[in-house]
Each structure stands twice: as structure tokens, then as C-alpha cells.
Amino acid sequence: MEKHRISNKIRKYRFHFDEMTQEQLADKVGVTRQTIVAIEKAKYSPSLELAFRIAQVFESPLEDVFKYDEKQPATKTATNDLFNLTLEPRLFNPRMDDEL
């Protein structure tokens, strides 16, 4: 099972905002408490709109509340070799171009 790439500091922010409960945050952003629980535990990645609404509640920029975690680059496979082609420059040769 792949780990979610989006981490967050929602729990930290809730406690800095008068120990806001998950239920209170859920009410403010229009979702269920279970959704907030799942987001906090990184079991669910919020939509972009929901992420902005959560950040707005905490009066913080989105990137302070949420972080996108880069993963190690995938190993090279035959299918992605097509995208890594390098083209060598060719000198203009009228005879050669006529043969093409």
C-alpha cells in the first residue's frame, strides 16, 4: 500500500486555536468529524478546495498547513525510456536529405 504524499499539521494548528476540536473544525469547513480524523492521520488527502478552507480557518497559507512529500524517483523502465531520448544534432547535407 502506497503512503499518502500529503502530510499536514492540522492537529498542531487545532491546539494553537484554543484547542479546537475535530468536530468544531469539521463544522467550520463543512465536512464530518471522521473526514478530519482521516485527513489528520494521512489516511485521506483532501480536495484542493477543502485544503484551502482548512488553511483559511487557521488564517495560514496552504503550504504551512499541508506539505507535499516528494518520493524517490521511480526506477527506470522500458516504458519511460521513450521520454528520455536525446537527439544528436546533424549537420545539413543536401545529398543525404535528398535521399530521405
N, C-alpha and C. Protein backbone atom coordinates (compact mmCIF):
# COMPACT_ATOMS: atom_id res chain seq x y z
N MET A 1 0.84 -1.18 0.00
CA MET A 1 0.00 0.00 0.00
C MET A 1 0.89 1.24 0.00
N GLU A 2 0.61 2.18 -0.91
CA GLU A 2 1.42 3.38 -1.02
C GLU A 2 1.01 4.40 0.03
N LYS A 3 2.01 4.99 0.65
CA LYS A 3 1.76 6.02 1.66
C LYS A 3 1.34 7.31 0.97
N HIS A 4 0.42 8.04 1.59
CA HIS A 4 -0.03 9.30 1.01
C HIS A 4 1.10 10.30 0.99
N ARG A 5 1.14 11.10 -0.04
CA ARG A 5 2.21 12.09 -0.21
C ARG A 5 1.92 13.40 0.50
N ILE A 6 0.69 13.61 0.93
CA ILE A 6 0.34 14.88 1.56
C ILE A 6 0.31 14.70 3.07
N SER A 7 1.16 15.46 3.75
CA SER A 7 1.15 15.45 5.21
C SER A 7 0.57 16.78 5.67
N ASN A 8 0.24 16.85 6.96
CA ASN A 8 -0.39 18.08 7.44
C ASN A 8 -0.05 18.34 8.90
N LYS A 9 -0.35 19.57 9.32
CA LYS A 9 -0.15 20.00 10.70
C LYS A 9 -1.48 20.42 11.32
N ILE A 10 -2.55 19.78 10.89
CA ILE A 10 -3.88 20.18 11.37
C ILE A 10 -3.99 20.04 12.88
N ARG A 11 -3.52 18.93 13.42
CA ARG A 11 -3.62 18.71 14.88
C ARG A 11 -2.91 19.84 15.63
N LYS A 12 -1.72 20.17 15.19
CA LYS A 12 -0.95 21.26 15.81
C LYS A 12 -1.71 22.58 15.75
N TYR A 13 -2.24 22.88 14.58
CA TYR A 13 -2.99 24.13 14.42
C TYR A 13 -4.26 24.15 15.27
N ARG A 14 -4.94 23.02 15.36
CA ARG A 14 -6.16 22.97 16.18
C ARG A 14 -5.85 23.34 17.64
N PHE A 15 -4.75 22.84 18.14
CA PHE A 15 -4.41 23.11 19.54
C PHE A 15 -3.94 24.55 19.75
N HIS A 16 -3.37 25.15 18.71
CA HIS A 16 -2.98 26.56 18.81
C HIS A 16 -4.19 27.49 18.67
N PHE A 17 -5.29 26.97 18.18
CA PHE A 17 -6.52 27.75 18.05
C PHE A 17 -7.49 27.34 19.15
N ASP A 18 -7.13 27.67 20.37
CA ASP A 18 -7.98 27.41 21.54
C ASP A 18 -8.39 25.95 21.66
N GLU A 19 -7.49 25.05 21.34
CA GLU A 19 -7.75 23.61 21.42
C GLU A 19 -9.05 23.23 20.71
N MET A 20 -9.15 23.71 19.48
CA MET A 20 -10.31 23.43 18.64
C MET A 20 -10.46 21.92 18.48
N THR A 21 -11.68 21.43 18.60
CA THR A 21 -11.92 20.00 18.43
C THR A 21 -12.02 19.66 16.95
N GLN A 22 -11.91 18.38 16.65
CA GLN A 22 -12.09 17.92 15.27
C GLN A 22 -13.51 18.24 14.80
N GLU A 23 -14.45 18.11 15.69
CA GLU A 23 -15.86 18.40 15.36
C GLU A 23 -16.03 19.88 15.01
N GLN A 24 -15.41 20.77 15.78
CA GLN A 24 -15.52 22.21 15.51
C GLN A 24 -14.91 22.55 14.15
N LEU A 25 -13.74 21.99 13.87
CA LEU A 25 -13.10 22.24 12.58
C LEU A 25 -13.97 21.70 11.45
N ALA A 26 -14.50 20.51 11.64
CA ALA A 26 -15.36 19.90 10.62
C ALA A 26 -16.56 20.80 10.32
N ASP A 27 -17.19 21.34 11.37
CA ASP A 27 -18.33 22.24 11.19
C ASP A 27 -17.93 23.49 10.41
N LYS A 28 -16.77 24.04 10.71
CA LYS A 28 -16.32 25.27 10.05
C LYS A 28 -16.04 25.07 8.56
N VAL A 29 -15.57 23.88 8.19
CA VAL A 29 -15.22 23.65 6.78
C VAL A 29 -16.26 22.83 6.04
N GLY A 30 -17.29 22.37 6.73
CA GLY A 30 -18.40 21.69 6.07
C GLY A 30 -18.20 20.22 5.75
N VAL A 31 -17.48 19.51 6.62
CA VAL A 31 -17.31 18.07 6.44
C VAL A 31 -17.62 17.37 7.75
N THR A 32 -17.51 16.05 7.76
CA THR A 32 -17.76 15.31 9.01
C THR A 32 -16.49 15.25 9.85
N ARG A 33 -16.67 14.95 11.11
CA ARG A 33 -15.53 14.79 12.01
C ARG A 33 -14.64 13.65 11.52
N GLN A 34 -15.25 12.60 11.00
CA GLN A 34 -14.49 11.45 10.51
C GLN A 34 -13.56 11.84 9.35
N THR A 35 -14.00 12.78 8.54
CA THR A 35 -13.15 13.26 7.44
C THR A 35 -11.92 13.96 8.00
N ILE A 36 -12.11 14.79 9.02
CA ILE A 36 -10.97 15.49 9.65
C ILE A 36 -10.03 14.47 10.28
N VAL A 37 -10.58 13.47 10.94
CA VAL A 37 -9.75 12.41 11.55
C VAL A 37 -8.90 11.74 10.47
N ALA A 38 -9.53 11.36 9.35
CA ALA A 38 -8.81 10.68 8.28
C ALA A 38 -7.73 11.57 7.66
N ILE A 39 -8.01 12.86 7.52
CA ILE A 39 -7.01 13.78 6.96
C ILE A 39 -5.84 13.92 7.93
N GLU A 40 -6.14 14.12 9.21
CA GLU A 40 -5.08 14.25 10.22
C GLU A 40 -4.17 13.04 10.26
N LYS A 41 -4.75 11.86 10.09
CA LYS A 41 -3.97 10.62 10.15
C LYS A 41 -3.34 10.26 8.80
N ALA A 42 -3.49 11.14 7.82
CA ALA A 42 -2.96 10.94 6.46
C ALA A 42 -3.52 9.68 5.81
N LYS A 43 -4.74 9.34 6.14
CA LYS A 43 -5.42 8.21 5.50
C LYS A 43 -6.26 8.70 4.32
N TYR A 44 -6.42 10.01 4.23
CA TYR A 44 -7.22 10.62 3.18
C TYR A 44 -6.60 11.96 2.83
N SER A 45 -6.44 12.22 1.54
CA SER A 45 -5.93 13.51 1.09
C SER A 45 -7.12 14.38 0.71
N PRO A 46 -7.20 15.58 1.27
CA PRO A 46 -8.35 16.44 0.98
C PRO A 46 -8.30 16.98 -0.44
N SER A 47 -9.47 17.40 -0.92
CA SER A 47 -9.51 18.09 -2.21
C SER A 47 -8.77 19.41 -2.04
N LEU A 48 -8.43 20.03 -3.13
CA LEU A 48 -7.75 21.32 -3.07
C LEU A 48 -8.64 22.36 -2.39
N GLU A 49 -9.92 22.33 -2.72
CA GLU A 49 -10.85 23.28 -2.12
C GLU A 49 -10.93 23.09 -0.60
N LEU A 50 -11.03 21.85 -0.14
CA LEU A 50 -11.10 21.59 1.29
C LEU A 50 -9.80 21.98 1.98
N ALA A 51 -8.68 21.72 1.36
CA ALA A 51 -7.39 22.10 1.94
C ALA A 51 -7.32 23.62 2.11
N PHE A 52 -7.79 24.37 1.13
CA PHE A 52 -7.81 25.84 1.25
C PHE A 52 -8.75 26.29 2.37
N ARG A 53 -9.91 25.65 2.48
CA ARG A 53 -10.85 26.03 3.55
C ARG A 53 -10.25 25.76 4.93
N ILE A 54 -9.56 24.64 5.08
CA ILE A 54 -8.92 24.33 6.37
C ILE A 54 -7.84 25.36 6.68
N ALA A 55 -7.01 25.67 5.71
CA ALA A 55 -5.95 26.67 5.92
C ALA A 55 -6.55 28.03 6.26
N GLN A 56 -7.67 28.37 5.65
CA GLN A 56 -8.34 29.64 5.90
C GLN A 56 -8.83 29.72 7.35
N VAL A 57 -9.35 28.62 7.88
CA VAL A 57 -9.80 28.60 9.27
C VAL A 57 -8.65 28.96 10.20
N PHE A 58 -7.46 28.47 9.87
CA PHE A 58 -6.28 28.72 10.70
C PHE A 58 -5.55 30.00 10.33
N GLU A 59 -6.12 30.75 9.39
CA GLU A 59 -5.53 32.01 8.95
C GLU A 59 -4.06 31.84 8.57
N SER A 60 -3.80 30.77 7.84
CA SER A 60 -2.43 30.42 7.45
C SER A 60 -2.39 30.06 5.97
N PRO A 61 -1.24 30.24 5.35
CA PRO A 61 -1.10 29.81 3.95
C PRO A 61 -1.24 28.29 3.84
N LEU A 62 -1.75 27.85 2.74
CA LEU A 62 -1.95 26.42 2.49
C LEU A 62 -0.68 25.62 2.75
N GLU A 63 0.46 26.12 2.27
CA GLU A 63 1.72 25.37 2.39
C GLU A 63 2.25 25.30 3.82
N ASP A 64 1.69 26.10 4.74
CA ASP A 64 2.05 25.97 6.15
C ASP A 64 1.27 24.85 6.83
N VAL A 65 0.07 24.59 6.34
CA VAL A 65 -0.79 23.57 6.94
C VAL A 65 -0.57 22.21 6.28
N PHE A 66 -0.36 22.22 4.97
CA PHE A 66 -0.18 20.98 4.22
C PHE A 66 1.18 20.98 3.54
N LYS A 67 1.73 19.78 3.37
CA LYS A 67 3.02 19.65 2.70
C LYS A 67 2.93 18.47 1.74
N TYR A 68 3.42 18.70 0.54
CA TYR A 68 3.50 17.62 -0.45
C TYR A 68 4.87 16.98 -0.32
N ASP A 69 4.90 15.70 0.00
CA ASP A 69 6.16 14.99 0.20
C ASP A 69 6.60 14.34 -1.10
N GLU A 70 7.73 14.77 -1.60
CA GLU A 70 8.27 14.16 -2.82
C GLU A 70 8.76 12.76 -2.50
N LYS A 71 8.56 11.85 -3.43
CA LYS A 71 9.05 10.48 -3.26
C LYS A 71 10.32 10.32 -4.08
N GLN A 72 11.04 9.27 -3.81
CA GLN A 72 12.22 8.95 -4.61
C GLN A 72 11.79 8.74 -6.05
N PRO A 73 12.62 9.13 -7.01
CA PRO A 73 12.23 8.91 -8.40
C PRO A 73 12.04 7.42 -8.70
N ALA A 74 11.09 7.13 -9.55
CA ALA A 74 10.82 5.74 -9.91
C ALA A 74 12.00 5.16 -10.66
N THR A 75 12.18 3.87 -10.55
CA THR A 75 13.26 3.23 -11.29
C THR A 75 12.92 3.26 -12.76
N LYS A 76 13.95 3.32 -13.56
CA LYS A 76 13.78 3.45 -15.00
C LYS A 76 13.22 2.15 -15.58
N THR A 77 12.23 2.28 -16.42
CA THR A 77 11.63 1.11 -17.08
C THR A 77 11.64 1.33 -18.57
N ALA A 78 11.37 0.29 -19.31
CA ALA A 78 11.36 0.39 -20.77
C ALA A 78 10.32 1.39 -21.25
N THR A 79 9.21 1.52 -20.53
CA THR A 79 8.16 2.43 -20.99
C THR A 79 8.54 3.88 -20.83
N ASN A 80 9.32 4.23 -19.80
CA ASN A 80 9.66 5.64 -19.68
C ASN A 80 10.96 5.99 -20.38
N ASP A 81 11.64 5.01 -21.00
CA ASP A 81 12.83 5.31 -21.79
C ASP A 81 12.49 6.17 -22.99
N LEU A 82 11.28 6.05 -23.51
CA LEU A 82 10.87 6.84 -24.66
C LEU A 82 10.91 8.33 -24.36
N PHE A 83 10.72 8.70 -23.12
CA PHE A 83 10.70 10.10 -22.74
C PHE A 83 12.08 10.64 -22.41
N ASN A 84 13.10 9.80 -22.40
CA ASN A 84 14.45 10.21 -22.04
C ASN A 84 15.40 10.16 -23.23
N LEU A 85 14.86 10.25 -24.43
CA LEU A 85 15.70 10.21 -25.61
C LEU A 85 16.48 11.52 -25.76
N THR A 86 17.71 11.40 -26.21
CA THR A 86 18.49 12.59 -26.52
C THR A 86 18.76 12.58 -28.02
N LEU A 87 18.51 13.68 -28.65
CA LEU A 87 18.72 13.79 -30.08
C LEU A 87 20.05 14.46 -30.34
N GLU A 88 20.84 13.85 -31.22
CA GLU A 88 22.13 14.43 -31.55
C GLU A 88 21.95 15.36 -32.75
N PRO A 89 22.62 16.52 -32.71
CA PRO A 89 22.49 17.43 -33.85
C PRO A 89 23.11 16.81 -35.10
N ARG A 90 22.51 17.14 -36.23
CA ARG A 90 23.01 16.60 -37.50
C ARG A 90 23.36 17.77 -38.41
N LEU A 91 24.50 17.68 -39.02
CA LEU A 91 24.89 18.72 -39.97
C LEU A 91 24.05 18.59 -41.23
N PHE A 92 23.77 19.73 -41.83
CA PHE A 92 22.99 19.75 -43.05
C PHE A 92 23.83 19.19 -44.19
N ASN A 93 23.31 18.18 -44.86
CA ASN A 93 23.98 17.59 -46.00
C ASN A 93 22.92 17.43 -47.08
N PRO A 94 22.96 18.26 -48.13
CA PRO A 94 21.91 18.23 -49.14
C PRO A 94 21.74 16.85 -49.79
N ARG A 95 22.82 16.14 -50.03
CA ARG A 95 22.71 14.82 -50.66
C ARG A 95 21.96 13.85 -49.74
N MET A 96 22.31 13.88 -48.49
CA MET A 96 21.69 12.96 -47.54
C MET A 96 20.21 13.30 -47.38
N ASP A 97 19.88 14.58 -47.33
CA ASP A 97 18.49 14.97 -47.17
C ASP A 97 17.66 14.61 -48.39
N ASP A 98 18.28 14.61 -49.58
CA ASP A 98 17.54 14.23 -50.77
C ASP A 98 17.18 12.75 -50.76
N GLU A 99 18.01 11.96 -50.13
CA GLU A 99 17.78 10.51 -50.10
C GLU A 99 16.66 10.16 -49.13
N LEU A 100 16.35 11.03 -48.21
CA LEU A 100 15.29 10.73 -47.24
C LEU A 100 14.00 10.88 -47.86
